[in-house]
Amino acid sequence: MTFSDYWQNPLSVKQVTSDNHLLFKNKNGNTIDFTKFVNTNIPEFETGATDYLSPVLFNGHLQTCFTTIKKFEDIDQVNYRRFMMKYPDGGEGALDIVVPTHNPSSYVPKTQLPFVAPLDTHYSYGMDNESILRSEDDKPMLVALHGLTGGSHESYVRSIVSRLTEKYGFEACVLNSRGCCQSQITTPQLYNGGWTNDISFVMNQLFQMYPNRSFYMIGFSLGASILSNYIGEQNNRISNRVRCAMVFGNPWDMLRSDYYLNCSRMGYNLYSPALTRNVVNLVKRHAVILHEKPGFQAIYDEHINIVKTANGFDDVFTGPMFNYKDSKDYYGDASSFKRLAGVRIPLIGLNAMDDPIAGGDNLPEEYIKKNPFTMLIETNVGGHLAWFKDLNGTRWFADPVSKFFSIFHTEITKKGFRPEVPEDQLPHEKVVNVRTTVDQPTQ
């Protein structure tokens, strides 16, 4: 590589698939090879594809740090109507449904607070009887899960949501994790990378609310872990409603990602403390309710102002909250590569090899190769949820991902193609659910 090539910051793609390609068939006997379908329609995802990211953000650290420096309010604007989902355990989660225009409302659920800047100009609460919550139409609908302490406001979420809704006619919604994106918790519990109960409940609700829609799903970072775990746990129970999914920056092996995050000076001194500050602030915001959990007060008083690393936080907060012994017990159980064998809808992962948070040196290639339903797109550069092509905030993945979902819906779902894989081509490893998962019958 010459200096000129390096300065241009070239991106290259490696695609990992099973030797047994996923085939779709329709009633007429016509077939579509999924790998060929992706490579033909989305050449950006084919092995050997190239592009260029911003030459100023020439490594994973700069790409990742730019996500915290750049203000993204002027691009990919999305308006949301928020509805509070009541979970079986008494908790609540904020489901933000995309709407064409901002419609201010004085209504605020009694368990919640009014929106404040910067959300107040794009968000409003909806009531349970609004027509948006029921439809017999057959539009495609995207469901998104955000990263660690993020929400529907995150620029990486909006980069896809805005394109799919405005350009391709999709409906879309984002499920915010408990306590995130200015939502209030009602029970002394938050979430983790293996907590699939909330998305499982919400998807069952969406299946009933929109009985004729086909669903597509995306997840980012911790949300990618949750989504991958959910899809693997569900096996073929959701394949008639959820057509395909993509996950970005997934820490597939959380034990390895923890090691990767803490083995470098940048990781130990910058990224881990930054992630920890975010989750500590989340806990502080919801301390009053969290203190209702037996034993939490003592842990909070002892550790909240001294914990400095992500695994240190998970040792004393996340672990006990979900009955894990410590962070390693949690990471080992919640790592989503363990559920790849159970995936029965097309699932595409996108990871950058220079991701300084999730890591790129131990991606689950061997597990991907065993399952025709899974595909992994690896890029040599891109950082963590970044992939910036310029300093305006344009992300490399936004256009091809949006185009992929649109073409998949038009050419595969609407034309009646369904996946058909011989049993002897599927992985037969027993998939064990995350220990915290409560089985919920699919609607």
Protein backbone atom coordinates (compact mmCIF):
# COMPACT_ATOMS: atom_id res chain seq x y z
CA MET A 1 0.00 0.00 0.00
CA THR A 2 1.42 3.36 -1.01
CA PHE A 3 1.21 6.49 1.12
CA SER A 4 -1.33 7.86 -1.36
CA ASP A 5 -3.51 4.76 -0.94
CA TYR A 6 -3.27 5.00 2.84
CA TRP A 7 -4.16 8.67 2.87
CA GLN A 8 -7.24 7.96 0.75
CA ASN A 9 -8.38 5.55 3.49
CA PRO A 10 -9.53 2.69 1.24
CA LEU A 11 -12.21 0.33 2.48
CA SER A 12 -12.26 -3.29 1.34
CA VAL A 13 -14.84 -6.00 1.93
CA LYS A 14 -14.63 -9.68 2.81
CA GLN A 15 -17.83 -11.70 2.76
CA VAL A 16 -18.17 -14.88 4.84
CA THR A 17 -20.94 -17.35 3.98
CA SER A 18 -21.75 -21.02 4.19
CA ASP A 19 -20.67 -23.25 1.32
CA ASN A 20 -24.31 -24.32 1.26
CA HIS A 21 -25.96 -21.19 -0.06
CA LEU A 22 -29.39 -20.25 1.24
CA LEU A 23 -32.01 -20.81 -1.47
CA PHE A 24 -35.45 -19.23 -1.72
CA LYS A 25 -38.24 -20.90 -3.70
CA ASN A 26 -41.72 -19.80 -4.76
CA LYS A 27 -44.81 -21.81 -5.65
CA ASN A 28 -43.76 -21.98 -9.29
CA GLY A 29 -40.50 -23.66 -8.41
CA ASN A 30 -38.34 -20.65 -9.20
CA THR A 31 -35.28 -20.25 -6.99
CA ILE A 32 -33.12 -17.39 -5.74
CA ASP A 33 -29.62 -17.96 -4.41
CA PHE A 34 -29.37 -15.54 -1.48
CA THR A 35 -25.62 -14.99 -1.75
CA LYS A 36 -25.89 -14.25 -5.46
CA PHE A 37 -28.90 -12.04 -4.76
CA VAL A 38 -26.88 -9.95 -2.30
CA ASN A 39 -23.85 -9.68 -4.57
CA THR A 40 -25.90 -8.78 -7.64
CA ASN A 41 -28.10 -6.16 -6.00
CA ILE A 42 -25.71 -4.86 -3.33
CA PRO A 43 -22.23 -5.08 -4.90
CA GLU A 44 -20.87 -3.09 -1.94
CA PHE A 45 -21.17 -6.28 0.16
CA GLU A 46 -19.33 -8.63 -2.21
CA THR A 47 -15.86 -9.90 -1.41
CA GLY A 48 -13.33 -7.59 -3.03
CA ALA A 49 -15.64 -4.57 -3.13
CA THR A 50 -13.85 -1.30 -2.39
CA ASP A 51 -14.71 2.23 -1.44
CA TYR A 52 -13.15 5.12 0.45
CA LEU A 53 -13.84 6.48 3.91
CA SER A 54 -12.88 9.95 5.07
CA PRO A 55 -9.10 10.43 4.71
CA VAL A 56 -9.17 12.61 7.82
CA LEU A 57 -10.64 9.76 9.90
CA PHE A 58 -8.00 7.31 8.75
CA ASN A 59 -8.21 4.67 11.49
CA GLY A 60 -10.71 2.98 13.77
CA HIS A 61 -9.99 5.29 16.69
CA LEU A 62 -10.64 8.47 14.70
CA GLN A 63 -13.74 6.99 13.08
CA THR A 64 -15.11 5.95 16.47
CA CYS A 65 -14.26 9.19 18.27
CA PHE A 66 -15.92 11.21 15.51
CA THR A 67 -19.26 9.72 16.56
CA THR A 68 -18.99 11.66 19.83
CA ILE A 69 -17.59 14.87 18.33
CA LYS A 70 -19.82 15.44 15.33
CA LYS A 71 -23.28 16.95 15.78
CA PHE A 72 -25.74 15.05 13.60
CA GLU A 73 -28.91 17.08 14.21
CA ASP A 74 -28.86 18.53 10.69
CA ILE A 75 -28.95 15.20 8.82
CA ASP A 76 -31.26 12.19 8.70
CA GLN A 77 -33.93 13.87 10.80
CA VAL A 78 -36.70 11.58 12.06
CA ASN A 79 -39.90 12.34 13.97
CA TYR A 80 -41.22 9.86 16.52
CA ARG A 81 -44.44 9.15 18.37
CA ARG A 82 -43.67 7.36 21.65
CA PHE A 83 -45.82 4.63 23.15
CA MET A 84 -45.06 2.97 26.48
CA MET A 85 -45.07 -0.82 26.36
CA LYS A 86 -46.16 -2.57 29.55
CA TYR A 87 -43.97 -5.63 30.14
CA PRO A 88 -45.21 -8.78 31.94
CA ASP A 89 -42.89 -8.11 34.91
CA GLY A 90 -44.41 -4.65 35.48
CA GLY A 91 -41.64 -2.74 33.74
CA GLU A 92 -42.09 -0.35 30.84
CA GLY A 93 -40.26 0.28 27.60
CA ALA A 94 -40.48 3.15 25.14
CA LEU A 95 -41.45 2.17 21.60
CA ASP A 96 -40.83 5.05 19.21
CA ILE A 97 -42.81 4.82 15.97
CA VAL A 98 -41.70 6.96 13.04
CA VAL A 99 -44.23 9.57 11.91
CA PRO A 100 -44.04 11.94 8.91
CA THR A 101 -44.23 15.17 10.89
CA HIS A 102 -43.75 16.28 14.46
CA ASN A 103 -47.14 16.60 16.14
CA PRO A 104 -46.69 18.20 19.57
CA SER A 105 -48.95 16.87 22.29
CA SER A 106 -49.54 17.88 25.89
CA TYR A 107 -50.19 14.26 26.84
CA VAL A 108 -47.56 12.64 29.06
CA PRO A 109 -48.06 9.14 30.54
CA LYS A 110 -48.23 9.27 34.32
CA THR A 111 -45.08 7.15 34.68
CA GLN A 112 -43.06 9.38 32.35
CA LEU A 113 -41.74 12.95 32.09
CA PRO A 114 -42.13 15.57 29.33
CA PHE A 115 -39.48 15.52 26.62
CA VAL A 116 -36.68 18.04 26.95
CA ALA A 117 -34.09 19.27 24.45
CA PRO A 118 -32.95 17.99 22.08
CA LEU A 119 -35.76 15.42 21.82
CA ASP A 120 -38.66 17.80 22.34
CA THR A 121 -38.63 19.07 18.74
CA HIS A 122 -38.98 15.58 17.21
CA TYR A 123 -40.80 13.50 19.86
CA SER A 124 -44.29 13.38 21.32
CA TYR A 125 -46.21 10.85 23.38
CA GLY A 126 -49.07 8.89 21.87
CA MET A 127 -52.14 7.47 23.59
CA ASP A 128 -53.10 3.81 23.58
CA ASN A 129 -56.12 4.33 21.32
CA GLU A 130 -54.34 6.06 18.42
CA SER A 131 -54.89 4.65 14.95
CA ILE A 132 -51.15 4.35 14.32
CA LEU A 133 -51.14 1.37 16.69
CA ARG A 134 -53.41 -0.72 14.47
CA SER A 135 -53.32 -1.36 10.75
CA GLU A 136 -54.37 -4.04 8.29
CA ASP A 137 -51.98 -2.80 5.59
CA ASP A 138 -49.18 -4.99 4.25
CA LYS A 139 -46.37 -2.44 4.31
CA PRO A 140 -42.88 -3.56 5.28
CA MET A 141 -41.90 -2.49 8.81
CA LEU A 142 -38.44 -2.02 10.27
CA VAL A 143 -37.74 -2.63 13.97
CA ALA A 144 -34.46 -1.25 15.34
CA LEU A 145 -32.46 -1.81 18.53
CA HIS A 146 -29.85 0.76 19.58
CA GLY A 147 -26.48 0.51 21.35
CA LEU A 148 -25.45 0.45 25.01
CA THR A 149 -27.08 3.58 26.47
CA GLY A 150 -28.39 5.07 23.23
CA GLY A 151 -31.86 5.38 21.80
CA SER A 152 -33.92 6.12 18.72
CA HIS A 153 -32.23 9.52 18.49
CA GLU A 154 -28.83 8.05 17.67
CA SER A 155 -27.41 9.09 14.30
CA TYR A 156 -26.53 5.52 13.30
CA VAL A 157 -30.17 4.49 13.84
CA ARG A 158 -31.55 7.49 11.97
CA SER A 159 -29.19 6.95 9.02
CA ILE A 160 -31.14 3.83 8.06
CA VAL A 161 -34.57 4.67 9.48
CA SER A 162 -34.76 7.95 7.56
CA ARG A 163 -33.84 6.36 4.24
CA LEU A 164 -36.16 3.38 4.54
CA THR A 165 -39.17 5.48 5.53
CA GLU A 166 -38.65 8.44 3.20
CA LYS A 167 -37.21 6.77 0.10
CA TYR A 168 -38.53 3.22 0.21
CA GLY A 169 -41.94 3.51 1.88
CA PHE A 170 -41.21 1.42 4.98
CA GLU A 171 -42.87 1.91 8.33
CA ALA A 172 -40.38 1.87 11.20
CA CYS A 173 -40.05 1.84 14.96
CA VAL A 174 -37.27 1.73 17.53
CA LEU A 175 -37.47 -0.09 20.85
CA ASN A 176 -35.53 1.83 23.48
CA SER A 177 -33.97 -0.25 26.24
CA ARG A 178 -35.38 0.36 29.71
CA GLY A 179 -34.47 3.80 31.01
CA CYS A 180 -32.88 5.01 27.76
CA CYS A 181 -33.68 7.99 25.54
CA GLN A 182 -35.40 10.04 28.28
CA SER A 183 -37.66 7.17 29.33
CA GLN A 184 -38.35 6.37 32.98
CA ILE A 185 -38.20 2.90 34.51
CA THR A 186 -41.03 1.59 36.69
CA THR A 187 -39.30 -1.47 38.18
CA PRO A 188 -35.77 -1.86 39.59
CA GLN A 189 -34.30 -3.46 36.50
CA LEU A 190 -32.44 -2.30 33.39
CA TYR A 191 -31.15 -4.58 30.58
CA ASN A 192 -28.07 -6.33 29.21
CA GLY A 193 -26.66 -7.80 26.00
CA GLY A 194 -28.53 -11.07 26.45
CA TRP A 195 -31.83 -9.68 27.69
CA THR A 196 -34.22 -10.78 24.95
CA ASN A 197 -37.47 -10.78 26.94
CA ASP A 198 -38.41 -7.20 26.08
CA ILE A 199 -37.87 -7.46 22.32
CA SER A 200 -39.64 -10.83 22.32
CA PHE A 201 -42.67 -9.30 24.04
CA VAL A 202 -42.71 -6.24 21.78
CA MET A 203 -42.44 -8.29 18.59
CA ASN A 204 -45.40 -10.40 19.70
CA GLN A 205 -47.35 -7.19 20.23
CA LEU A 206 -46.33 -5.85 16.82
CA PHE A 207 -47.37 -9.11 15.15
CA GLN A 208 -50.87 -8.59 16.58
CA MET A 209 -51.01 -4.85 15.89
CA TYR A 210 -49.98 -5.25 12.25
CA PRO A 211 -51.12 -8.75 11.21
CA ASN A 212 -50.35 -8.32 7.50
CA ARG A 213 -46.96 -6.63 7.67
CA SER A 214 -43.60 -8.22 7.00
CA PHE A 215 -40.96 -7.23 9.53
CA TYR A 216 -37.27 -6.47 9.11
CA MET A 217 -34.90 -5.90 12.01
CA ILE A 218 -31.61 -4.13 12.70
CA GLY A 219 -29.46 -3.92 15.81
CA PHE A 220 -26.39 -1.92 16.75
CA SER A 221 -23.60 -2.88 19.18
CA LEU A 222 -25.30 -4.08 22.39
CA GLY A 223 -28.60 -4.01 20.47
CA ALA A 224 -26.94 -6.22 17.85
CA SER A 225 -26.12 -8.70 20.60
CA ILE A 226 -29.69 -8.65 21.91
CA LEU A 227 -31.13 -9.05 18.41
CA SER A 228 -28.80 -11.90 17.43
CA ASN A 229 -29.61 -13.72 20.66
CA TYR A 230 -33.34 -13.21 20.08
CA ILE A 231 -33.26 -14.49 16.51
CA GLY A 232 -31.20 -17.53 17.50
CA GLU A 233 -33.45 -18.35 20.43
CA GLN A 234 -36.59 -18.03 18.33
CA ASN A 235 -35.33 -20.51 15.72
CA ASN A 236 -38.12 -20.89 13.11
CA ARG A 237 -40.92 -19.48 15.29
CA ILE A 238 -40.71 -15.98 13.78
CA SER A 239 -39.79 -16.87 10.20
CA ASN A 240 -43.32 -16.27 8.92
CA ARG A 241 -43.25 -12.65 10.12
CA VAL A 242 -39.62 -11.51 10.37
CA ARG A 243 -38.10 -11.81 6.90
CA CYS A 244 -34.47 -10.88 7.51
CA ALA A 245 -32.21 -8.87 9.82
CA MET A 246 -28.87 -7.08 9.98
CA VAL A 247 -26.62 -6.40 12.96
CA PHE A 248 -23.82 -3.82 13.14
CA GLY A 249 -20.74 -3.77 15.36
CA ASN A 250 -21.91 -6.83 17.28
CA PRO A 251 -19.61 -7.95 20.13
CA TRP A 252 -20.29 -11.57 19.15
CA ASP A 253 -18.02 -12.98 21.86
CA MET A 254 -18.43 -10.66 24.83
CA LEU A 255 -15.57 -12.28 26.75
CA ARG A 256 -13.23 -11.61 23.85
CA SER A 257 -14.59 -8.10 23.35
CA ASP A 258 -14.02 -7.38 27.04
CA TYR A 259 -10.41 -8.54 26.71
CA TYR A 260 -9.96 -6.54 23.52
CA LEU A 261 -11.42 -3.42 25.09
CA ASN A 262 -9.06 -3.57 28.06
CA CYS A 263 -5.84 -4.88 26.49
CA SER A 264 -4.83 -1.60 24.83
CA ARG A 265 -4.04 1.76 26.36
CA MET A 266 -6.71 3.46 24.28
CA GLY A 267 -9.29 0.88 25.28
CA TYR A 268 -8.45 0.82 28.97
CA ASN A 269 -7.94 4.57 29.37
CA LEU A 270 -10.49 5.96 26.90
CA TYR A 271 -13.22 3.64 25.64
CA SER A 272 -13.87 1.57 28.74
CA PRO A 273 -14.10 4.62 31.05
CA ALA A 274 -16.33 6.41 28.51
CA LEU A 275 -18.73 3.46 28.30
CA THR A 276 -18.67 3.19 32.08
CA ARG A 277 -19.56 6.87 32.55
CA ASN A 278 -22.57 6.36 30.30
CA VAL A 279 -23.93 3.39 32.24
CA VAL A 280 -23.10 5.00 35.60
CA ASN A 281 -25.07 8.09 34.57
CA LEU A 282 -27.94 5.84 33.50
CA VAL A 283 -27.97 4.18 36.92
CA LYS A 284 -27.80 7.55 38.69
CA ARG A 285 -30.77 8.85 36.69
CA HIS A 286 -32.87 5.90 37.81
CA ALA A 287 -31.41 5.41 41.28
CA VAL A 288 -34.67 6.07 43.15
CA ILE A 289 -36.45 3.14 41.48
CA LEU A 290 -33.36 0.91 41.39
CA HIS A 291 -32.98 1.28 45.15
CA GLU A 292 -36.19 -0.71 45.51
CA LYS A 293 -34.23 -3.84 44.60
CA PRO A 294 -33.03 -5.61 47.76
CA GLY A 295 -29.32 -5.11 48.31
CA PHE A 296 -28.91 -2.52 45.57
CA GLN A 297 -28.54 0.45 47.93
CA ALA A 298 -25.39 -0.98 49.53
CA ILE A 299 -23.81 -1.80 46.15
CA TYR A 300 -24.71 1.64 44.83
CA ASP A 301 -23.27 3.51 47.81
CA GLU A 302 -20.02 1.55 47.71
CA HIS A 303 -19.30 1.49 43.98
CA ILE A 304 -21.20 4.10 41.98
CA ASN A 305 -18.55 6.82 42.23
CA ILE A 306 -15.46 4.64 42.00
CA VAL A 307 -16.17 2.11 39.24
CA LYS A 308 -14.07 3.03 36.20
CA THR A 309 -14.23 0.14 33.73
CA ALA A 310 -17.03 -1.58 31.84
CA ASN A 311 -16.24 -5.00 33.29
CA GLY A 312 -15.95 -3.47 36.75
CA PHE A 313 -19.45 -2.05 36.34
CA ASP A 314 -20.78 -5.39 35.14
CA ASP A 315 -19.10 -7.14 38.08
CA VAL A 316 -21.02 -5.15 40.67
CA PHE A 317 -24.14 -3.87 38.91
CA THR A 318 -25.18 -5.86 35.81
CA GLY A 319 -24.14 -9.23 37.20
CA PRO A 320 -26.10 -9.11 40.48
CA MET A 321 -29.09 -7.45 38.79
CA PHE A 322 -29.50 -10.48 36.53
CA ASN A 323 -28.28 -13.17 38.94
CA TYR A 324 -24.85 -13.58 37.37
CA LYS A 325 -21.81 -14.13 39.58
CA ASP A 326 -19.76 -11.44 37.84
CA SER A 327 -19.00 -9.90 34.46
CA LYS A 328 -17.35 -13.03 33.07
CA ASP A 329 -20.35 -15.16 33.98
CA TYR A 330 -22.59 -12.62 32.24
CA TYR A 331 -20.40 -12.28 29.15
CA GLY A 332 -20.02 -16.02 28.75
CA ASP A 333 -23.76 -16.60 28.91
CA ALA A 334 -24.91 -13.65 26.77
CA SER A 335 -22.42 -13.95 23.88
CA SER A 336 -24.60 -14.14 20.77
CA PHE A 337 -22.28 -16.34 18.71
CA LYS A 338 -23.63 -19.17 20.87
CA ARG A 339 -27.07 -18.75 19.26
CA LEU A 340 -25.99 -18.56 15.60
CA ALA A 341 -26.79 -22.24 15.09
CA GLY A 342 -30.44 -21.50 15.86
CA VAL A 343 -30.88 -18.71 13.28
CA ARG A 344 -33.59 -19.54 10.74
CA ILE A 345 -34.06 -16.21 8.97
CA PRO A 346 -31.42 -14.44 6.84
CA LEU A 347 -29.09 -12.65 9.27
CA ILE A 348 -26.26 -10.45 8.00
CA GLY A 349 -23.59 -9.12 10.34
CA LEU A 350 -21.43 -6.10 9.53
CA ASN A 351 -18.19 -5.67 11.47
CA ALA A 352 -15.10 -3.51 10.98
CA MET A 353 -11.78 -5.20 11.65
CA ASP A 354 -10.45 -2.02 13.28
CA ASP A 355 -13.41 -1.69 15.68
CA PRO A 356 -11.71 -0.66 18.95
CA ILE A 357 -14.71 -1.60 21.12
CA ALA A 358 -16.24 -4.82 19.79
CA GLY A 359 -12.94 -5.98 18.29
CA GLY A 360 -12.34 -7.57 14.92
CA ASP A 361 -9.83 -10.31 15.65
CA ASN A 362 -12.23 -13.04 16.76
CA LEU A 363 -15.33 -12.82 14.58
CA PRO A 364 -17.48 -15.99 14.44
CA GLU A 365 -16.53 -17.01 10.91
CA GLU A 366 -16.66 -20.75 11.60
CA TYR A 367 -20.16 -20.48 13.06
CA ILE A 368 -21.29 -18.35 10.11
CA LYS A 369 -19.97 -20.94 7.66
CA LYS A 370 -22.03 -23.68 9.31
CA ASN A 371 -25.39 -21.96 8.85
CA PRO A 372 -26.78 -21.06 5.38
CA PHE A 373 -29.03 -18.45 7.01
CA THR A 374 -26.08 -16.34 8.21
CA MET A 375 -23.65 -14.05 6.41
CA LEU A 376 -20.84 -11.85 7.72
CA ILE A 377 -19.57 -8.71 5.98
CA GLU A 378 -16.13 -7.69 7.24
CA THR A 379 -14.51 -4.37 6.35
CA ASN A 380 -10.88 -3.55 7.00
CA VAL A 381 -11.77 -0.08 8.33
CA GLY A 382 -14.82 1.59 9.85
CA GLY A 383 -14.38 1.78 13.63
CA HIS A 384 -17.33 1.14 15.94
CA LEU A 385 -20.66 2.01 14.30
CA ALA A 386 -18.87 4.65 12.24
CA TRP A 387 -17.83 3.97 8.62
CA PHE A 388 -17.81 7.70 7.84
CA LYS A 389 -17.21 8.64 4.21
CA ASP A 390 -16.86 12.34 4.97
CA LEU A 391 -17.00 14.89 7.75
CA ASN A 392 -20.66 15.61 7.04
CA GLY A 393 -21.56 12.35 8.75
CA THR A 394 -22.40 10.23 5.69
CA ARG A 395 -22.08 6.58 6.65
CA TRP A 396 -20.86 4.05 4.09
CA PHE A 397 -23.43 1.41 5.06
CA ALA A 398 -26.59 3.54 5.11
CA ASP A 399 -27.47 3.50 1.41
CA PRO A 400 -26.61 -0.13 0.59
CA VAL A 401 -28.34 -1.45 3.72
CA SER A 402 -31.51 0.52 2.99
CA LYS A 403 -31.45 -0.60 -0.64
CA PHE A 404 -30.95 -4.21 0.45
CA PHE A 405 -34.04 -4.27 2.65
CA SER A 406 -36.12 -2.62 -0.05
CA ILE A 407 -35.03 -5.03 -2.79
CA PHE A 408 -35.40 -8.03 -0.48
CA HIS A 409 -38.98 -7.02 0.28
CA THR A 410 -39.85 -6.33 -3.36
CA GLU A 411 -38.14 -9.28 -5.03
CA ILE A 412 -38.31 -12.00 -2.38
CA THR A 413 -41.04 -11.33 0.20
CA LYS A 414 -43.72 -9.84 -2.06
CA LYS A 415 -43.13 -12.43 -4.78
CA GLY A 416 -43.75 -15.29 -2.40
CA PHE A 417 -40.25 -16.69 -2.11
CA ARG A 418 -39.56 -18.67 1.05
CA PRO A 419 -36.28 -20.16 2.27
CA GLU A 420 -35.80 -23.88 1.80
CA VAL A 421 -32.78 -25.55 3.35
CA PRO A 422 -32.33 -29.33 3.57
CA GLU A 423 -32.02 -30.54 7.15
CA ASP A 424 -28.58 -32.00 6.51
CA GLN A 425 -27.28 -28.53 5.58
CA LEU A 426 -28.36 -26.94 8.86
CA PRO A 427 -26.23 -26.83 12.01
CA HIS A 428 -27.40 -29.34 14.58
CA GLU A 429 -25.69 -28.00 17.68
CA LYS A 430 -28.12 -27.61 20.56
CA VAL A 431 -28.85 -23.92 21.14
CA VAL A 432 -29.18 -23.03 24.80
CA ASN A 433 -31.12 -19.88 25.59
CA VAL A 434 -29.59 -17.06 27.58
CA ARG A 435 -30.22 -17.93 31.24
CA THR A 436 -32.44 -14.89 31.80
CA THR A 437 -34.75 -15.67 28.86
CA VAL A 438 -38.38 -16.39 29.71
CA ASP A 439 -40.11 -18.37 26.97
CA GLN A 440 -42.96 -16.40 25.39
CA PRO A 441 -45.20 -18.13 22.83
CA THR A 442 -44.94 -16.39 19.46
CA GLN A 443 -48.20 -14.80 18.33
